[in-house]
Amino acid sequence: MRTFTLTAAIWKEGRRYVSKCPELGVASFGVTPAKALDALREAVTLYLANAKKLGILGDLEPVLTSDIRFSTPLQVCS
């Protein structure tokens, strides 16, 4: 089993916390930030297991193994 380090973004929506892995587009939620992170970890694990079963895990290799990641706030006007 391989270990990957991905990004987790967590924010509050109403009374819940939303968690998202932007590299894979996988999201989940929880009643606390920690529970949202745990739920996201489970969702990403299932996503990767399914990708492996479907034979497409190799297609995700670049995003899973990249050592270069940037995260910054982005301000926009609407």
PDB file of N, CA and C in Angstrom:
ATOM      1  N   MET A   1       0.841  -1.179   0.000  1.00  0.00           N
ATOM      2  CA  MET A   1       0.000   0.000   0.000  1.00  0.00           C
ATOM      3  C   MET A   1       0.889   1.246   0.000  1.00  0.00           C
ATOM      4  N   ARG A   2       0.593   2.172  -0.895  1.00  0.00           N
ATOM      5  CA  ARG A   2       1.360   3.418  -0.997  1.00  0.00           C
ATOM      6  C   ARG A   2       0.678   4.516  -0.187  1.00  0.00           C
ATOM      7  N   THR A   3       1.465   5.466   0.252  1.00  0.00           N
ATOM      8  CA  THR A   3       0.944   6.621   0.981  1.00  0.00           C
ATOM      9  C   THR A   3       1.152   7.866   0.134  1.00  0.00           C
ATOM     10  N   PHE A   4       0.099   8.655  -0.007  1.00  0.00           N
ATOM     11  CA  PHE A   4       0.156   9.896  -0.772  1.00  0.00           C
ATOM     12  C   PHE A   4      -0.160  11.065   0.158  1.00  0.00           C
ATOM     13  N   THR A   5       0.480  12.187  -0.063  1.00  0.00           N
ATOM     14  CA  THR A   5       0.182  13.406   0.682  1.00  0.00           C
ATOM     15  C   THR A   5      -0.554  14.354  -0.250  1.00  0.00           C
ATOM     16  N   LEU A   6      -1.801  14.627   0.080  1.00  0.00           N
ATOM     17  CA  LEU A   6      -2.652  15.487  -0.734  1.00  0.00           C
ATOM     18  C   LEU A   6      -3.089  16.692   0.096  1.00  0.00           C
ATOM     19  N   THR A   7      -3.827  17.586  -0.526  1.00  0.00           N
ATOM     20  CA  THR A   7      -4.308  18.789   0.137  1.00  0.00           C
ATOM     21  C   THR A   7      -5.730  18.578   0.638  1.00  0.00           C
ATOM     22  N   ALA A   8      -6.013  19.093   1.827  1.00  0.00           N
ATOM     23  CA  ALA A   8      -7.375  19.093   2.362  1.00  0.00           C
ATOM     24  C   ALA A   8      -7.755  20.531   2.684  1.00  0.00           C
ATOM     25  N   ALA A   9      -8.813  21.012   2.064  1.00  0.00           N
ATOM     26  CA  ALA A   9      -9.364  22.334   2.375  1.00  0.00           C
ATOM     27  C   ALA A   9     -10.626  22.108   3.201  1.00  0.00           C
ATOM     28  N   ILE A  10     -10.758  22.836   4.300  1.00  0.00           N
ATOM     29  CA  ILE A  10     -11.919  22.670   5.181  1.00  0.00           C
ATOM     30  C   ILE A  10     -12.496  24.051   5.476  1.00  0.00           C
ATOM     31  N   TRP A  11     -13.814  24.172   5.358  1.00  0.00           N
ATOM     32  CA  TRP A  11     -14.477  25.428   5.678  1.00  0.00           C
ATOM     33  C   TRP A  11     -15.852  25.137   6.264  1.00  0.00           C
ATOM     34  N   LYS A  12     -16.387  26.126   6.954  1.00  0.00           N
ATOM     35  CA  LYS A  12     -17.679  25.964   7.612  1.00  0.00           C
ATOM     36  C   LYS A  12     -18.801  26.408   6.685  1.00  0.00           C
ATOM     37  N   GLU A  13     -19.830  25.582   6.607  1.00  0.00           N
ATOM     38  CA  GLU A  13     -21.059  25.907   5.874  1.00  0.00           C
ATOM     39  C   GLU A  13     -22.218  25.609   6.804  1.00  0.00           C
ATOM     40  N   GLY A  14     -22.883  26.646   7.260  1.00  0.00           N
ATOM     41  CA  GLY A  14     -23.966  26.440   8.216  1.00  0.00           C
ATOM     42  C   GLY A  14     -23.414  25.852   9.508  1.00  0.00           C
ATOM     43  N   ARG A  15     -23.964  24.708   9.913  1.00  0.00           N
ATOM     44  CA  ARG A  15     -23.512  24.069  11.150  1.00  0.00           C
ATOM     45  C   ARG A  15     -22.560  22.909  10.894  1.00  0.00           C
ATOM     46  N   ARG A  16     -22.146  22.733   9.657  1.00  0.00           N
ATOM     47  CA  ARG A  16     -21.239  21.631   9.313  1.00  0.00           C
ATOM     48  C   ARG A  16     -19.955  22.177   8.704  1.00  0.00           C
ATOM     49  N   TYR A  17     -18.971  21.316   8.659  1.00  0.00           N
ATOM     50  CA  TYR A  17     -17.700  21.647   8.014  1.00  0.00           C
ATOM     51  C   TYR A  17     -17.563  20.812   6.750  1.00  0.00           C
ATOM     52  N   VAL A  18     -17.248  21.470   5.664  1.00  0.00           N
ATOM     53  CA  VAL A  18     -17.041  20.807   4.378  1.00  0.00           C
ATOM     54  C   VAL A  18     -15.543  20.595   4.211  1.00  0.00           C
ATOM     55  N   SER A  19     -15.183  19.438   3.701  1.00  0.00           N
ATOM     56  CA  SER A  19     -13.770  19.142   3.428  1.00  0.00           C
ATOM     57  C   SER A  19     -13.649  18.719   1.972  1.00  0.00           C
ATOM     58  N   LYS A  20     -12.577  19.169   1.332  1.00  0.00           N
ATOM     59  CA  LYS A  20     -12.390  18.853  -0.084  1.00  0.00           C
ATOM     60  C   LYS A  20     -10.920  18.632  -0.386  1.00  0.00           C
ATOM     61  N   CYS A  21     -10.656  17.633  -1.209  1.00  0.00           N
ATOM     62  CA  CYS A  21      -9.321  17.374  -1.740  1.00  0.00           C
ATOM     63  C   CYS A  21      -9.314  17.941  -3.157  1.00  0.00           C
ATOM     64  N   PRO A  22      -8.722  19.127  -3.372  1.00  0.00           N
ATOM     65  CA  PRO A  22      -8.789  19.749  -4.691  1.00  0.00           C
ATOM     66  C   PRO A  22      -8.068  18.971  -5.785  1.00  0.00           C
ATOM     67  N   GLU A  23      -7.044  18.211  -5.439  1.00  0.00           N
ATOM     68  CA  GLU A  23      -6.329  17.445  -6.462  1.00  0.00           C
ATOM     69  C   GLU A  23      -7.231  16.411  -7.134  1.00  0.00           C
ATOM     70  N   LEU A  24      -8.149  15.832  -6.365  1.00  0.00           N
ATOM     71  CA  LEU A  24      -9.005  14.767  -6.897  1.00  0.00           C
ATOM     72  C   LEU A  24     -10.454  15.195  -7.084  1.00  0.00           C
ATOM     73  N   GLY A  25     -10.838  16.347  -6.535  1.00  0.00           N
ATOM     74  CA  GLY A  25     -12.225  16.785  -6.623  1.00  0.00           C
ATOM     75  C   GLY A  25     -13.149  16.000  -5.714  1.00  0.00           C
ATOM     76  N   VAL A  26     -12.601  15.376  -4.681  1.00  0.00           N
ATOM     77  CA  VAL A  26     -13.383  14.578  -3.738  1.00  0.00           C
ATOM     78  C   VAL A  26     -13.728  15.457  -2.539  1.00  0.00           C
ATOM     79  N   ALA A  27     -14.973  15.374  -2.066  1.00  0.00           N
ATOM     80  CA  ALA A  27     -15.404  16.188  -0.937  1.00  0.00           C
ATOM     81  C   ALA A  27     -16.212  15.357   0.049  1.00  0.00           C
ATOM     82  N   SER A  28     -16.302  15.856   1.274  1.00  0.00           N
ATOM     83  CA  SER A  28     -17.108  15.232   2.315  1.00  0.00           C
ATOM     84  C   SER A  28     -17.464  16.309   3.328  1.00  0.00           C
ATOM     85  N   PHE A  29     -17.968  15.903   4.506  1.00  0.00           N
ATOM     86  CA  PHE A  29     -18.320  16.876   5.532  1.00  0.00           C
ATOM     87  C   PHE A  29     -18.323  16.204   6.897  1.00  0.00           C
ATOM     88  N   GLY A  30     -18.402  17.028   7.936  1.00  0.00           N
ATOM     89  CA  GLY A  30     -18.499  16.538   9.303  1.00  0.00           C
ATOM     90  C   GLY A  30     -18.971  17.654  10.211  1.00  0.00           C
ATOM     91  N   VAL A  31     -19.311  17.305  11.448  1.00  0.00           N
ATOM     92  CA  VAL A  31     -19.813  18.309  12.386  1.00  0.00           C
ATOM     93  C   VAL A  31     -18.682  19.086  13.055  1.00  0.00           C
ATOM     94  N   THR A  32     -17.458  18.611  12.924  1.00  0.00           N
ATOM     95  CA  THR A  32     -16.269  19.326  13.396  1.00  0.00           C
ATOM     96  C   THR A  32     -15.221  19.267  12.285  1.00  0.00           C
ATOM     97  N   PRO A  33     -14.226  20.135  12.319  1.00  0.00           N
ATOM     98  CA  PRO A  33     -13.165  20.044  11.312  1.00  0.00           C
ATOM     99  C   PRO A  33     -12.471  18.682  11.320  1.00  0.00           C
ATOM    100  N   ALA A  34     -12.246  18.118  12.506  1.00  0.00           N
ATOM    101  CA  ALA A  34     -11.580  16.813  12.594  1.00  0.00           C
ATOM    102  C   ALA A  34     -12.432  15.715  11.968  1.00  0.00           C
ATOM    103  N   LYS A  35     -13.747  15.755  12.216  1.00  0.00           N
ATOM    104  CA  LYS A  35     -14.629  14.740  11.628  1.00  0.00           C
ATOM    105  C   LYS A  35     -14.736  14.922  10.117  1.00  0.00           C
ATOM    106  N   ALA A  36     -14.716  16.171   9.668  1.00  0.00           N
ATOM    107  CA  ALA A  36     -14.738  16.432   8.227  1.00  0.00           C
ATOM    108  C   ALA A  36     -13.474  15.897   7.570  1.00  0.00           C
ATOM    109  N   LEU A  37     -12.333  16.061   8.232  1.00  0.00           N
ATOM    110  CA  LEU A  37     -11.076  15.542   7.704  1.00  0.00           C
ATOM    111  C   LEU A  37     -11.078  14.018   7.681  1.00  0.00           C
ATOM    112  N   ASP A  38     -11.574  13.390   8.737  1.00  0.00           N
ATOM    113  CA  ASP A  38     -11.667  11.925   8.769  1.00  0.00           C
ATOM    114  C   ASP A  38     -12.574  11.411   7.651  1.00  0.00           C
ATOM    115  N   ALA A  39     -13.705  12.093   7.452  1.00  0.00           N
ATOM    116  CA  ALA A  39     -14.638  11.688   6.395  1.00  0.00           C
ATOM    117  C   ALA A  39     -14.002  11.856   5.020  1.00  0.00           C
ATOM    118  N   LEU A  40     -13.229  12.926   4.845  1.00  0.00           N
ATOM    119  CA  LEU A  40     -12.543  13.141   3.568  1.00  0.00           C
ATOM    120  C   LEU A  40     -11.494  12.064   3.337  1.00  0.00           C
ATOM    121  N   ARG A  41     -10.755  11.709   4.374  1.00  0.00           N
ATOM    122  CA  ARG A  41      -9.736  10.663   4.248  1.00  0.00           C
ATOM    123  C   ARG A  41     -10.391   9.349   3.788  1.00  0.00           C
ATOM    124  N   GLU A  42     -11.539   9.023   4.376  1.00  0.00           N
ATOM    125  CA  GLU A  42     -12.257   7.808   3.978  1.00  0.00           C
ATOM    126  C   GLU A  42     -12.735   7.906   2.526  1.00  0.00           C
ATOM    127  N   ALA A  43     -13.278   9.062   2.146  1.00  0.00           N
ATOM    128  CA  ALA A  43     -13.775   9.244   0.781  1.00  0.00           C
ATOM    129  C   ALA A  43     -12.646   9.147  -0.240  1.00  0.00           C
ATOM    130  N   VAL A  44     -11.492   9.748   0.061  1.00  0.00           N
ATOM    131  CA  VAL A  44     -10.348   9.689  -0.856  1.00  0.00           C
ATOM    132  C   VAL A  44      -9.820   8.262  -0.948  1.00  0.00           C
ATOM    133  N   THR A  45      -9.764   7.566   0.179  1.00  0.00           N
ATOM    134  CA  THR A  45      -9.313   6.170   0.177  1.00  0.00           C
ATOM    135  C   THR A  45     -10.214   5.318  -0.706  1.00  0.00           C
ATOM    136  N   LEU A  46     -11.521   5.491  -0.584  1.00  0.00           N
ATOM    137  CA  LEU A  46     -12.464   4.743  -1.426  1.00  0.00           C
ATOM    138  C   LEU A  46     -12.327   5.136  -2.896  1.00  0.00           C
ATOM    139  N   TYR A  47     -12.130   6.417  -3.157  1.00  0.00           N
ATOM    140  CA  TYR A  47     -11.939   6.908  -4.524  1.00  0.00           C
ATOM    141  C   TYR A  47     -10.722   6.249  -5.166  1.00  0.00           C
ATOM    142  N   LEU A  48      -9.614   6.205  -4.427  1.00  0.00           N
ATOM    143  CA  LEU A  48      -8.390   5.601  -4.963  1.00  0.00           C
ATOM    144  C   LEU A  48      -8.534   4.092  -5.129  1.00  0.00           C
ATOM    145  N   ALA A  49      -9.226   3.437  -4.203  1.00  0.00           N
ATOM    146  CA  ALA A  49      -9.461   1.995  -4.326  1.00  0.00           C
ATOM    147  C   ALA A  49     -10.298   1.700  -5.566  1.00  0.00           C
ATOM    148  N   ASN A  50     -11.303   2.526  -5.817  1.00  0.00           N
ATOM    149  CA  ASN A  50     -12.139   2.339  -6.999  1.00  0.00           C
ATOM    150  C   ASN A  50     -11.349   2.608  -8.276  1.00  0.00           C
ATOM    151  N   ALA A  51     -10.502   3.645  -8.257  1.00  0.00           N
ATOM    152  CA  ALA A  51      -9.664   3.939  -9.426  1.00  0.00           C
ATOM    153  C   ALA A  51      -8.735   2.769  -9.723  1.00  0.00           C
ATOM    154  N   LYS A  52      -8.206   2.156  -8.680  1.00  0.00           N
ATOM    155  CA  LYS A  52      -7.334   0.989  -8.864  1.00  0.00           C
ATOM    156  C   LYS A  52      -8.118  -0.173  -9.456  1.00  0.00           C
ATOM    157  N   LYS A  53      -9.321  -0.405  -8.930  1.00  0.00           N
ATOM    158  CA  LYS A  53     -10.165  -1.499  -9.417  1.00  0.00           C
ATOM    159  C   LYS A  53     -10.532  -1.298 -10.886  1.00  0.00           C
ATOM    160  N   LEU A  54     -10.749  -0.047 -11.280  1.00  0.00           N
ATOM    161  CA  LEU A  54     -11.114   0.267 -12.662  1.00  0.00           C
ATOM    162  C   LEU A  54      -9.908   0.343 -13.595  1.00  0.00           C
ATOM    163  N   GLY A  55      -8.714   0.250 -13.014  1.00  0.00           N
ATOM    164  CA  GLY A  55      -7.503   0.288 -13.825  1.00  0.00           C
ATOM    165  C   GLY A  55      -7.089   1.679 -14.263  1.00  0.00           C
ATOM    166  N   ILE A  56      -7.548   2.706 -13.557  1.00  0.00           N
ATOM    167  CA  ILE A  56      -7.215   4.078 -13.952  1.00  0.00           C
ATOM    168  C   ILE A  56      -6.360   4.797 -12.909  1.00  0.00           C
ATOM    169  N   LEU A  57      -5.878   4.070 -11.913  1.00  0.00           N
ATOM    170  CA  LEU A  57      -5.046   4.695 -10.890  1.00  0.00           C
ATOM    171  C   LEU A  57      -3.795   5.314 -11.507  1.00  0.00           C
ATOM    172  N   GLY A  58      -3.251   4.688 -12.527  1.00  0.00           N
ATOM    173  CA  GLY A  58      -2.070   5.221 -13.206  1.00  0.00           C
ATOM    174  C   GLY A  58      -2.315   6.588 -13.821  1.00  0.00           C
ATOM    175  N   ASP A  59      -3.555   6.848 -14.245  1.00  0.00           N
ATOM    176  CA  ASP A  59      -3.893   8.159 -14.811  1.00  0.00           C
ATOM    177  C   ASP A  59      -3.790   9.267 -13.762  1.00  0.00           C
ATOM    178  N   LEU A  60      -3.937   8.897 -12.496  1.00  0.00           N
ATOM    179  CA  LEU A  60      -3.875   9.869 -11.406  1.00  0.00           C
ATOM    180  C   LEU A  60      -2.462  10.064 -10.869  1.00  0.00           C
ATOM    181  N   GLU A  61      -1.534   9.265 -11.348  1.00  0.00           N
ATOM    182  CA  GLU A  61      -0.162   9.275 -10.838  1.00  0.00           C
ATOM    183  C   GLU A  61       0.470  10.671 -10.787  1.00  0.00           C
ATOM    184  N   PRO A  62       0.352  11.499 -11.833  1.00  0.00           N
ATOM    185  CA  PRO A  62       0.990  12.824 -11.772  1.00  0.00           C
ATOM    186  C   PRO A  62       0.497  13.682 -10.603  1.00  0.00           C
ATOM    187  N   VAL A  63      -0.796  13.691 -10.369  1.00  0.00           N
ATOM    188  CA  VAL A  63      -1.329  14.519  -9.282  1.00  0.00           C
ATOM    189  C   VAL A  63      -1.028  13.902  -7.917  1.00  0.00           C
ATOM    190  N   LEU A  64      -0.947  12.590  -7.850  1.00  0.00           N
ATOM    191  CA  LEU A  64      -0.688  11.923  -6.573  1.00  0.00           C
ATOM    192  C   LEU A  64       0.767  12.019  -6.141  1.00  0.00           C
ATOM    193  N   THR A  65       1.669  12.154  -7.089  1.00  0.00           N
ATOM    194  CA  THR A  65       3.094  12.094  -6.762  1.00  0.00           C
ATOM    195  C   THR A  65       3.832  13.420  -6.921  1.00  0.00           C
ATOM    196  N   SER A  66       3.151  14.462  -7.344  1.00  0.00           N
ATOM    197  CA  SER A  66       3.806  15.759  -7.536  1.00  0.00           C
ATOM    198  C   SER A  66       4.326  16.312  -6.211  1.00  0.00           C
ATOM    199  N   ASP A  67       5.571  16.759  -6.216  1.00  0.00           N
ATOM    200  CA  ASP A  67       6.157  17.375  -5.029  1.00  0.00           C
ATOM    201  C   ASP A  67       5.898  18.877  -4.984  1.00  0.00           C
ATOM    202  N   ILE A  68       5.368  19.426  -6.055  1.00  0.00           N
ATOM    203  CA  ILE A  68       5.169  20.873  -6.144  1.00  0.00           C
ATOM    204  C   ILE A  68       3.678  21.176  -6.050  1.00  0.00           C
ATOM    205  N   ARG A  69       3.296  21.882  -4.980  1.00  0.00           N
ATOM    206  CA  ARG A  69       1.906  22.283  -4.780  1.00  0.00           C
ATOM    207  C   ARG A  69       1.910  23.708  -4.239  1.00  0.00           C
ATOM    208  N   PHE A  70       0.958  24.490  -4.681  1.00  0.00           N
ATOM    209  CA  PHE A  70       0.808  25.850  -4.188  1.00  0.00           C
ATOM    210  C   PHE A  70      -0.635  26.045  -3.755  1.00  0.00           C
ATOM    211  N   SER A  71      -0.820  26.712  -2.662  1.00  0.00           N
ATOM    212  CA  SER A  71      -2.148  27.041  -2.172  1.00  0.00           C
ATOM    213  C   SER A  71      -2.112  28.483  -1.684  1.00  0.00           C
ATOM    214  N   THR A  72      -3.046  29.282  -2.169  1.00  0.00           N
ATOM    215  CA  THR A  72      -3.068  30.690  -1.785  1.00  0.00           C
ATOM    216  C   THR A  72      -4.496  31.209  -1.851  1.00  0.00           C
ATOM    217  N   PRO A  73      -4.837  32.197  -1.043  1.00  0.00           N
ATOM    218  CA  PRO A  73      -6.156  32.810  -1.163  1.00  0.00           C
ATOM    219  C   PRO A  73      -6.297  33.500  -2.523  1.00  0.00           C
ATOM    220  N   LEU A  74      -7.474  33.474  -3.059  1.00  0.00           N
ATOM    221  CA  LEU A  74      -7.764  34.103  -4.346  1.00  0.00           C
ATOM    222  C   LEU A  74      -8.957  35.027  -4.157  1.00  0.00           C
ATOM    223  N   GLN A  75      -8.765  36.319  -4.326  1.00  0.00           N
ATOM    224  CA  GLN A  75      -9.852  37.280  -4.177  1.00  0.00           C
ATOM    225  C   GLN A  75     -10.456  37.581  -5.538  1.00  0.00           C
ATOM    226  N   VAL A  76     -11.782  37.572  -5.590  1.00  0.00           N
ATOM    227  CA  VAL A  76     -12.499  37.908  -6.817  1.00  0.00           C
ATOM    228  C   VAL A  76     -13.653  38.842  -6.466  1.00  0.00           C
ATOM    229  N   CYS A  77     -14.096  39.605  -7.418  1.00  0.00           N
ATOM    230  CA  CYS A  77     -15.240  40.494  -7.237  1.00  0.00           C
ATOM    231  C   CYS A  77     -16.432  39.919  -7.978  1.00  0.00           C
ATOM    232  N   SER A  78     -17.598  40.115  -7.416  1.00  0.00           N
ATOM    233  CA  SER A  78     -18.802  39.656  -8.119  1.00  0.00           C
ATOM    234  C   SER A  78     -19.870  40.717  -8.068  1.00  0.00           C
TER     235      SER A  78
END
